[in-house]
């Protein structure tokens, strides 16, 4: 007879875990975490996104009224009867 396969998958060992998920003596050294640039890049992207968003909102607010006035003028000119 052949042994039946186990219904539960094998539990991964502690060495398979991510360095950030390890505990105790298995933790990654602080030196490698300090040299990681992932967090710095994320902060740069968020800062750039905020800058673009604020600039876009200020532009829409500054140009909103003049563009609306121009739209209504063009709408009035198009709706005028031809003499």
C-alpha atoms as a PDB file:
ATOM      1  CA  UNK A   1       0.000   0.000   0.000  1.00  0.00           C
ATOM      2  CA  UNK A   2       1.127   3.543  -0.710  1.00  0.00           C
ATOM      3  CA  UNK A   3       0.827   6.176   2.004  1.00  0.00           C
ATOM      4  CA  UNK A   4      -1.983   8.658   1.443  1.00  0.00           C
ATOM      5  CA  UNK A   5      -0.971  12.248   0.853  1.00  0.00           C
ATOM      6  CA  UNK A   6      -1.266  14.586   3.819  1.00  0.00           C
ATOM      7  CA  UNK A   7      -4.348  16.859   3.608  1.00  0.00           C
ATOM      8  CA  UNK A   8      -2.385  19.791   5.069  1.00  0.00           C
ATOM      9  CA  UNK A   9       0.455  21.460   3.177  1.00  0.00           C
ATOM     10  CA  UNK A  10       3.904  21.408   4.729  1.00  0.00           C
ATOM     11  CA  UNK A  11       4.561  24.306   7.096  1.00  0.00           C
ATOM     12  CA  UNK A  12       7.248  26.661   5.725  1.00  0.00           C
ATOM     13  CA  UNK A  13      10.382  26.907   7.808  1.00  0.00           C
ATOM     14  CA  UNK A  14      11.475  30.116   9.522  1.00  0.00           C
ATOM     15  CA  UNK A  15      14.295  30.553   7.017  1.00  0.00           C
ATOM     16  CA  UNK A  16      11.708  30.840   4.189  1.00  0.00           C
ATOM     17  CA  UNK A  17      10.081  33.894   5.790  1.00  0.00           C
ATOM     18  CA  UNK A  18      10.685  37.441   4.650  1.00  0.00           C
ATOM     19  CA  UNK A  19      13.426  39.304   6.561  1.00  0.00           C
ATOM     20  CA  UNK A  20      10.801  41.694   7.927  1.00  0.00           C
ATOM     21  CA  UNK A  21       8.636  38.843   9.235  1.00  0.00           C
ATOM     22  CA  UNK A  22      11.405  37.028  11.070  1.00  0.00           C
ATOM     23  CA  UNK A  23      11.621  37.263  14.822  1.00  0.00           C
ATOM     24  CA  UNK A  24      14.367  37.076  17.401  1.00  0.00           C
ATOM     25  CA  UNK A  25      17.837  36.111  16.261  1.00  0.00           C
ATOM     26  CA  UNK A  26      16.620  35.471  12.703  1.00  0.00           C
ATOM     27  CA  UNK A  27      15.961  39.175  12.097  1.00  0.00           C
ATOM     28  CA  UNK A  28      17.824  40.962   9.325  1.00  0.00           C
ATOM     29  CA  UNK A  29      20.629  43.210  10.559  1.00  0.00           C
ATOM     30  CA  UNK A  30      19.744  46.890  10.944  1.00  0.00           C
ATOM     31  CA  UNK A  31      22.465  47.759   8.491  1.00  0.00           C
ATOM     32  CA  UNK A  32      20.552  46.151   5.588  1.00  0.00           C
ATOM     33  CA  UNK A  33      17.314  47.882   6.597  1.00  0.00           C
ATOM     34  CA  UNK A  34      19.035  51.256   6.686  1.00  0.00           C
ATOM     35  CA  UNK A  35      20.526  50.739   3.234  1.00  0.00           C
ATOM     36  CA  UNK A  36      17.112  49.848   1.799  1.00  0.00           C
ATOM     37  CA  UNK A  37      15.786  52.626  -0.430  1.00  0.00           C
ATOM     38  CA  UNK A  38      12.209  51.382  -0.787  1.00  0.00           C
ATOM     39  CA  UNK A  39      10.763  53.754   1.817  1.00  0.00           C
ATOM     40  CA  UNK A  40      12.641  56.755   0.460  1.00  0.00           C
ATOM     41  CA  UNK A  41      11.319  56.151  -3.041  1.00  0.00           C
ATOM     42  CA  UNK A  42       7.759  55.832  -1.724  1.00  0.00           C
ATOM     43  CA  UNK A  43       8.071  59.167   0.118  1.00  0.00           C
ATOM     44  CA  UNK A  44       9.371  60.806  -3.071  1.00  0.00           C
ATOM     45  CA  UNK A  45       6.422  59.479  -5.083  1.00  0.00           C
ATOM     46  CA  UNK A  46       3.881  60.611  -2.490  1.00  0.00           C
ATOM     47  CA  UNK A  47       5.491  64.069  -2.289  1.00  0.00           C
ATOM     48  CA  UNK A  48       5.456  64.420  -6.077  1.00  0.00           C
ATOM     49  CA  UNK A  49       1.847  63.237  -6.246  1.00  0.00           C
ATOM     50  CA  UNK A  50       0.797  65.800  -3.618  1.00  0.00           C
ATOM     51  CA  UNK A  51       2.642  68.576  -5.452  1.00  0.00           C
ATOM     52  CA  UNK A  52       0.973  67.720  -8.774  1.00  0.00           C
ATOM     53  CA  UNK A  53      -2.457  67.464  -7.128  1.00  0.00           C
ATOM     54  CA  UNK A  54      -2.152  70.825  -5.356  1.00  0.00           C
ATOM     55  CA  UNK A  55      -0.864  72.499  -8.532  1.00  0.00           C
ATOM     56  CA  UNK A  56      -3.719  71.052 -10.575  1.00  0.00           C
ATOM     57  CA  UNK A  57      -6.331  72.144  -8.032  1.00  0.00           C
ATOM     58  CA  UNK A  58      -4.900  75.682  -7.928  1.00  0.00           C
ATOM     59  CA  UNK A  59      -4.911  75.847 -11.732  1.00  0.00           C
ATOM     60  CA  UNK A  60      -8.533  74.722 -11.953  1.00  0.00           C
ATOM     61  CA  UNK A  61      -9.554  77.263  -9.321  1.00  0.00           C
ATOM     62  CA  UNK A  62      -7.650  80.092 -11.058  1.00  0.00           C
ATOM     63  CA  UNK A  63      -8.944  79.312 -14.551  1.00  0.00           C
ATOM     64  CA  UNK A  64     -12.419  78.114 -13.637  1.00  0.00           C
ATOM     65  CA  UNK A  65     -14.281  81.453 -13.718  1.00  0.00           C
ATOM     66  CA  UNK A  66     -12.621  82.850 -16.884  1.00  0.00           C
ATOM     67  CA  UNK A  67     -13.186  79.573 -18.737  1.00  0.00           C
ATOM     68  CA  UNK A  68     -16.836  79.521 -17.666  1.00  0.00           C
ATOM     69  CA  UNK A  69     -17.292  83.106 -18.886  1.00  0.00           C
ATOM     70  CA  UNK A  70     -15.681  82.235 -22.236  1.00  0.00           C
ATOM     71  CA  UNK A  71     -17.903  79.155 -22.572  1.00  0.00           C
ATOM     72  CA  UNK A  72     -21.062  81.196 -21.939  1.00  0.00           C
ATOM     73  CA  UNK A  73     -19.968  83.876 -24.452  1.00  0.00           C
ATOM     74  CA  UNK A  74     -19.321  81.251 -27.147  1.00  0.00           C
ATOM     75  CA  UNK A  75     -22.635  79.585 -26.295  1.00  0.00           C
ATOM     76  CA  UNK A  76     -24.426  82.945 -26.704  1.00  0.00           C
ATOM     77  CA  UNK A  77     -22.692  83.653 -30.049  1.00  0.00           C
ATOM     78  CA  UNK A  78     -23.645  80.230 -31.409  1.00  0.00           C
ATOM     79  CA  UNK A  79     -27.246  80.597 -30.274  1.00  0.00           C
ATOM     80  CA  UNK A  80     -27.688  84.046 -31.902  1.00  0.00           C
ATOM     81  CA  UNK A  81     -29.863  84.073 -35.006  1.00  0.00           C
ATOM     82  CA  UNK A  82     -28.062  84.806 -38.249  1.00  0.00           C
ATOM     83  CA  UNK A  83     -29.189  88.220 -39.679  1.00  0.00           C
END
